[in-house]
């Protein structure tokens, strides 16, 4: 009885492996690589001072902490550069930049 059960398990395992080998396929080789869009701005940090320089006009900027506290929110900037100082001590912040063409970019920034 035990040997029949053992041989049955081996057969089921073998059949499962064979079926899985037919079902699983490798990724196709012909797919083109994903193109990463270049950001039309640069973020420069100097201590707690943040400068944003863009090739397009900046519409609005928002900065918040990793805990979700909003620190800086400036609307209607309409300029290609904007500089502000972070009002609290911290290491990690999140920055949202809205451009006048309607595109919004977010990124995580760290300061020392």
C-alpha atoms as a PDB file:
ATOM      1  CA  UNK A   1       0.000   0.000   0.000  1.00  0.00           C
ATOM      2  CA  UNK A   2       2.772   2.445   0.961  1.00  0.00           C
ATOM      3  CA  UNK A   3       4.766   1.687  -2.197  1.00  0.00           C
ATOM      4  CA  UNK A   4       1.681   2.291  -4.331  1.00  0.00           C
ATOM      5  CA  UNK A   5       1.127   5.648  -2.673  1.00  0.00           C
ATOM      6  CA  UNK A   6       4.796   6.561  -3.156  1.00  0.00           C
ATOM      7  CA  UNK A   7       4.749   5.598  -6.837  1.00  0.00           C
ATOM      8  CA  UNK A   8       1.494   7.538  -7.325  1.00  0.00           C
ATOM      9  CA  UNK A   9       3.099  10.660  -5.805  1.00  0.00           C
ATOM     10  CA  UNK A  10       6.108  10.286  -8.091  1.00  0.00           C
ATOM     11  CA  UNK A  11       3.886   9.989 -11.160  1.00  0.00           C
ATOM     12  CA  UNK A  12       1.833  13.039 -10.134  1.00  0.00           C
ATOM     13  CA  UNK A  13       5.035  15.019  -9.527  1.00  0.00           C
ATOM     14  CA  UNK A  14       6.486  14.007 -12.880  1.00  0.00           C
ATOM     15  CA  UNK A  15       3.276  14.885 -14.740  1.00  0.00           C
ATOM     16  CA  UNK A  16       3.114  18.253 -12.912  1.00  0.00           C
ATOM     17  CA  UNK A  17       6.687  19.129 -13.880  1.00  0.00           C
ATOM     18  CA  UNK A  18       6.063  18.198 -17.506  1.00  0.00           C
ATOM     19  CA  UNK A  19       2.858  20.263 -17.664  1.00  0.00           C
ATOM     20  CA  UNK A  20       4.497  23.260 -15.999  1.00  0.00           C
ATOM     21  CA  UNK A  21       7.351  23.178 -18.487  1.00  0.00           C
ATOM     22  CA  UNK A  22       4.844  23.529 -21.329  1.00  0.00           C
ATOM     23  CA  UNK A  23       2.913  26.306 -19.623  1.00  0.00           C
ATOM     24  CA  UNK A  24       5.811  28.511 -18.545  1.00  0.00           C
ATOM     25  CA  UNK A  25       7.386  30.565 -21.301  1.00  0.00           C
ATOM     26  CA  UNK A  26      10.389  32.868 -21.320  1.00  0.00           C
ATOM     27  CA  UNK A  27       9.971  36.563 -22.023  1.00  0.00           C
ATOM     28  CA  UNK A  28       9.961  37.422 -25.715  1.00  0.00           C
ATOM     29  CA  UNK A  29      13.228  38.765 -27.054  1.00  0.00           C
ATOM     30  CA  UNK A  30      11.676  41.101 -29.631  1.00  0.00           C
ATOM     31  CA  UNK A  31      10.244  43.671 -27.201  1.00  0.00           C
ATOM     32  CA  UNK A  32      11.945  47.066 -27.429  1.00  0.00           C
ATOM     33  CA  UNK A  33      13.457  48.410 -24.211  1.00  0.00           C
ATOM     34  CA  UNK A  34      11.329  50.835 -22.230  1.00  0.00           C
ATOM     35  CA  UNK A  35      12.422  54.399 -22.886  1.00  0.00           C
ATOM     36  CA  UNK A  36      12.743  56.482 -19.758  1.00  0.00           C
ATOM     37  CA  UNK A  37      11.460  60.010 -20.177  1.00  0.00           C
ATOM     38  CA  UNK A  38      13.996  62.668 -19.291  1.00  0.00           C
ATOM     39  CA  UNK A  39      12.843  65.234 -16.757  1.00  0.00           C
ATOM     40  CA  UNK A  40      12.719  68.809 -18.075  1.00  0.00           C
ATOM     41  CA  UNK A  41      14.064  70.158 -14.775  1.00  0.00           C
ATOM     42  CA  UNK A  42      16.920  69.807 -12.306  1.00  0.00           C
ATOM     43  CA  UNK A  43      16.776  69.936  -8.527  1.00  0.00           C
ATOM     44  CA  UNK A  44      19.823  71.413  -6.825  1.00  0.00           C
ATOM     45  CA  UNK A  45      20.328  71.288  -3.059  1.00  0.00           C
ATOM     46  CA  UNK A  46      22.648  73.395  -0.933  1.00  0.00           C
ATOM     47  CA  UNK A  47      22.047  72.597   2.720  1.00  0.00           C
ATOM     48  CA  UNK A  48      18.360  73.240   3.305  1.00  0.00           C
ATOM     49  CA  UNK A  49      18.046  75.487   0.250  1.00  0.00           C
ATOM     50  CA  UNK A  50      16.409  73.847  -2.783  1.00  0.00           C
ATOM     51  CA  UNK A  51      16.662  75.314  -6.285  1.00  0.00           C
ATOM     52  CA  UNK A  52      14.626  74.038  -9.222  1.00  0.00           C
ATOM     53  CA  UNK A  53      15.670  74.980 -12.732  1.00  0.00           C
ATOM     54  CA  UNK A  54      13.479  73.961 -15.657  1.00  0.00           C
ATOM     55  CA  UNK A  55      13.381  74.222 -19.424  1.00  0.00           C
ATOM     56  CA  UNK A  56       9.653  75.010 -19.130  1.00  0.00           C
ATOM     57  CA  UNK A  57       7.828  77.394 -16.813  1.00  0.00           C
ATOM     58  CA  UNK A  58       7.110  76.004 -13.349  1.00  0.00           C
ATOM     59  CA  UNK A  59       3.455  76.344 -12.391  1.00  0.00           C
ATOM     60  CA  UNK A  60       3.508  75.088  -8.793  1.00  0.00           C
ATOM     61  CA  UNK A  61       5.760  73.377  -6.244  1.00  0.00           C
ATOM     62  CA  UNK A  62       4.905  71.365  -3.157  1.00  0.00           C
ATOM     63  CA  UNK A  63       7.252  69.783  -0.598  1.00  0.00           C
ATOM     64  CA  UNK A  64       6.225  67.398   2.164  1.00  0.00           C
ATOM     65  CA  UNK A  65       7.880  65.159   4.747  1.00  0.00           C
ATOM     66  CA  UNK A  66       7.897  61.375   4.703  1.00  0.00           C
ATOM     67  CA  UNK A  67       5.235  61.595   7.424  1.00  0.00           C
ATOM     68  CA  UNK A  68       2.924  63.534   5.102  1.00  0.00           C
ATOM     69  CA  UNK A  69       3.308  67.014   6.620  1.00  0.00           C
ATOM     70  CA  UNK A  70       3.163  69.690   3.932  1.00  0.00           C
ATOM     71  CA  UNK A  71       6.039  72.144   4.341  1.00  0.00           C
ATOM     72  CA  UNK A  72       6.083  74.275   1.197  1.00  0.00           C
ATOM     73  CA  UNK A  73       3.272  74.956  -1.250  1.00  0.00           C
ATOM     74  CA  UNK A  74       3.681  77.686  -3.837  1.00  0.00           C
ATOM     75  CA  UNK A  75       1.302  78.211  -6.748  1.00  0.00           C
ATOM     76  CA  UNK A  76       1.378  80.503  -9.781  1.00  0.00           C
ATOM     77  CA  UNK A  77       5.169  80.647  -9.978  1.00  0.00           C
ATOM     78  CA  UNK A  78       5.218  81.046 -13.798  1.00  0.00           C
ATOM     79  CA  UNK A  79       9.007  81.132 -13.966  1.00  0.00           C
ATOM     80  CA  UNK A  80      11.656  78.681 -15.183  1.00  0.00           C
ATOM     81  CA  UNK A  81      13.411  78.651 -11.801  1.00  0.00           C
ATOM     82  CA  UNK A  82      12.317  78.620  -8.182  1.00  0.00           C
ATOM     83  CA  UNK A  83      14.308  78.580  -4.919  1.00  0.00           C
ATOM     84  CA  UNK A  84      13.081  77.960  -1.386  1.00  0.00           C
ATOM     85  CA  UNK A  85      14.415  76.946   2.023  1.00  0.00           C
ATOM     86  CA  UNK A  86      13.120  73.910   3.900  1.00  0.00           C
ATOM     87  CA  UNK A  87      11.741  75.246   7.214  1.00  0.00           C
ATOM     88  CA  UNK A  88      12.522  72.180   9.372  1.00  0.00           C
ATOM     89  CA  UNK A  89      15.418  69.802   9.925  1.00  0.00           C
ATOM     90  CA  UNK A  90      15.007  66.485   8.190  1.00  0.00           C
ATOM     91  CA  UNK A  91      16.733  64.130   5.791  1.00  0.00           C
ATOM     92  CA  UNK A  92      14.063  62.789   3.400  1.00  0.00           C
ATOM     93  CA  UNK A  93      11.390  64.840   1.631  1.00  0.00           C
ATOM     94  CA  UNK A  94       9.047  64.459  -1.318  1.00  0.00           C
ATOM     95  CA  UNK A  95       8.856  67.116  -4.002  1.00  0.00           C
ATOM     96  CA  UNK A  96       6.090  67.724  -6.532  1.00  0.00           C
ATOM     97  CA  UNK A  97       6.694  70.038  -9.474  1.00  0.00           C
ATOM     98  CA  UNK A  98       3.904  71.082 -11.806  1.00  0.00           C
ATOM     99  CA  UNK A  99       4.821  72.610 -15.142  1.00  0.00           C
ATOM    100  CA  UNK A 100       2.741  74.992 -17.216  1.00  0.00           C
ATOM    101  CA  UNK A 101       2.113  72.296 -19.846  1.00  0.00           C
ATOM    102  CA  UNK A 102       0.107  70.323 -17.247  1.00  0.00           C
ATOM    103  CA  UNK A 103       2.720  67.656 -16.503  1.00  0.00           C
ATOM    104  CA  UNK A 104       3.359  66.874 -12.853  1.00  0.00           C
ATOM    105  CA  UNK A 105       6.556  65.245 -11.568  1.00  0.00           C
ATOM    106  CA  UNK A 106       7.208  63.857  -8.111  1.00  0.00           C
ATOM    107  CA  UNK A 107      10.444  62.644  -6.614  1.00  0.00           C
ATOM    108  CA  UNK A 108      12.044  61.764  -3.333  1.00  0.00           C
ATOM    109  CA  UNK A 109      14.948  64.014  -2.321  1.00  0.00           C
ATOM    110  CA  UNK A 110      17.429  63.765   0.496  1.00  0.00           C
ATOM    111  CA  UNK A 111      19.429  66.512   2.118  1.00  0.00           C
ATOM    112  CA  UNK A 112      22.311  66.444   4.549  1.00  0.00           C
END
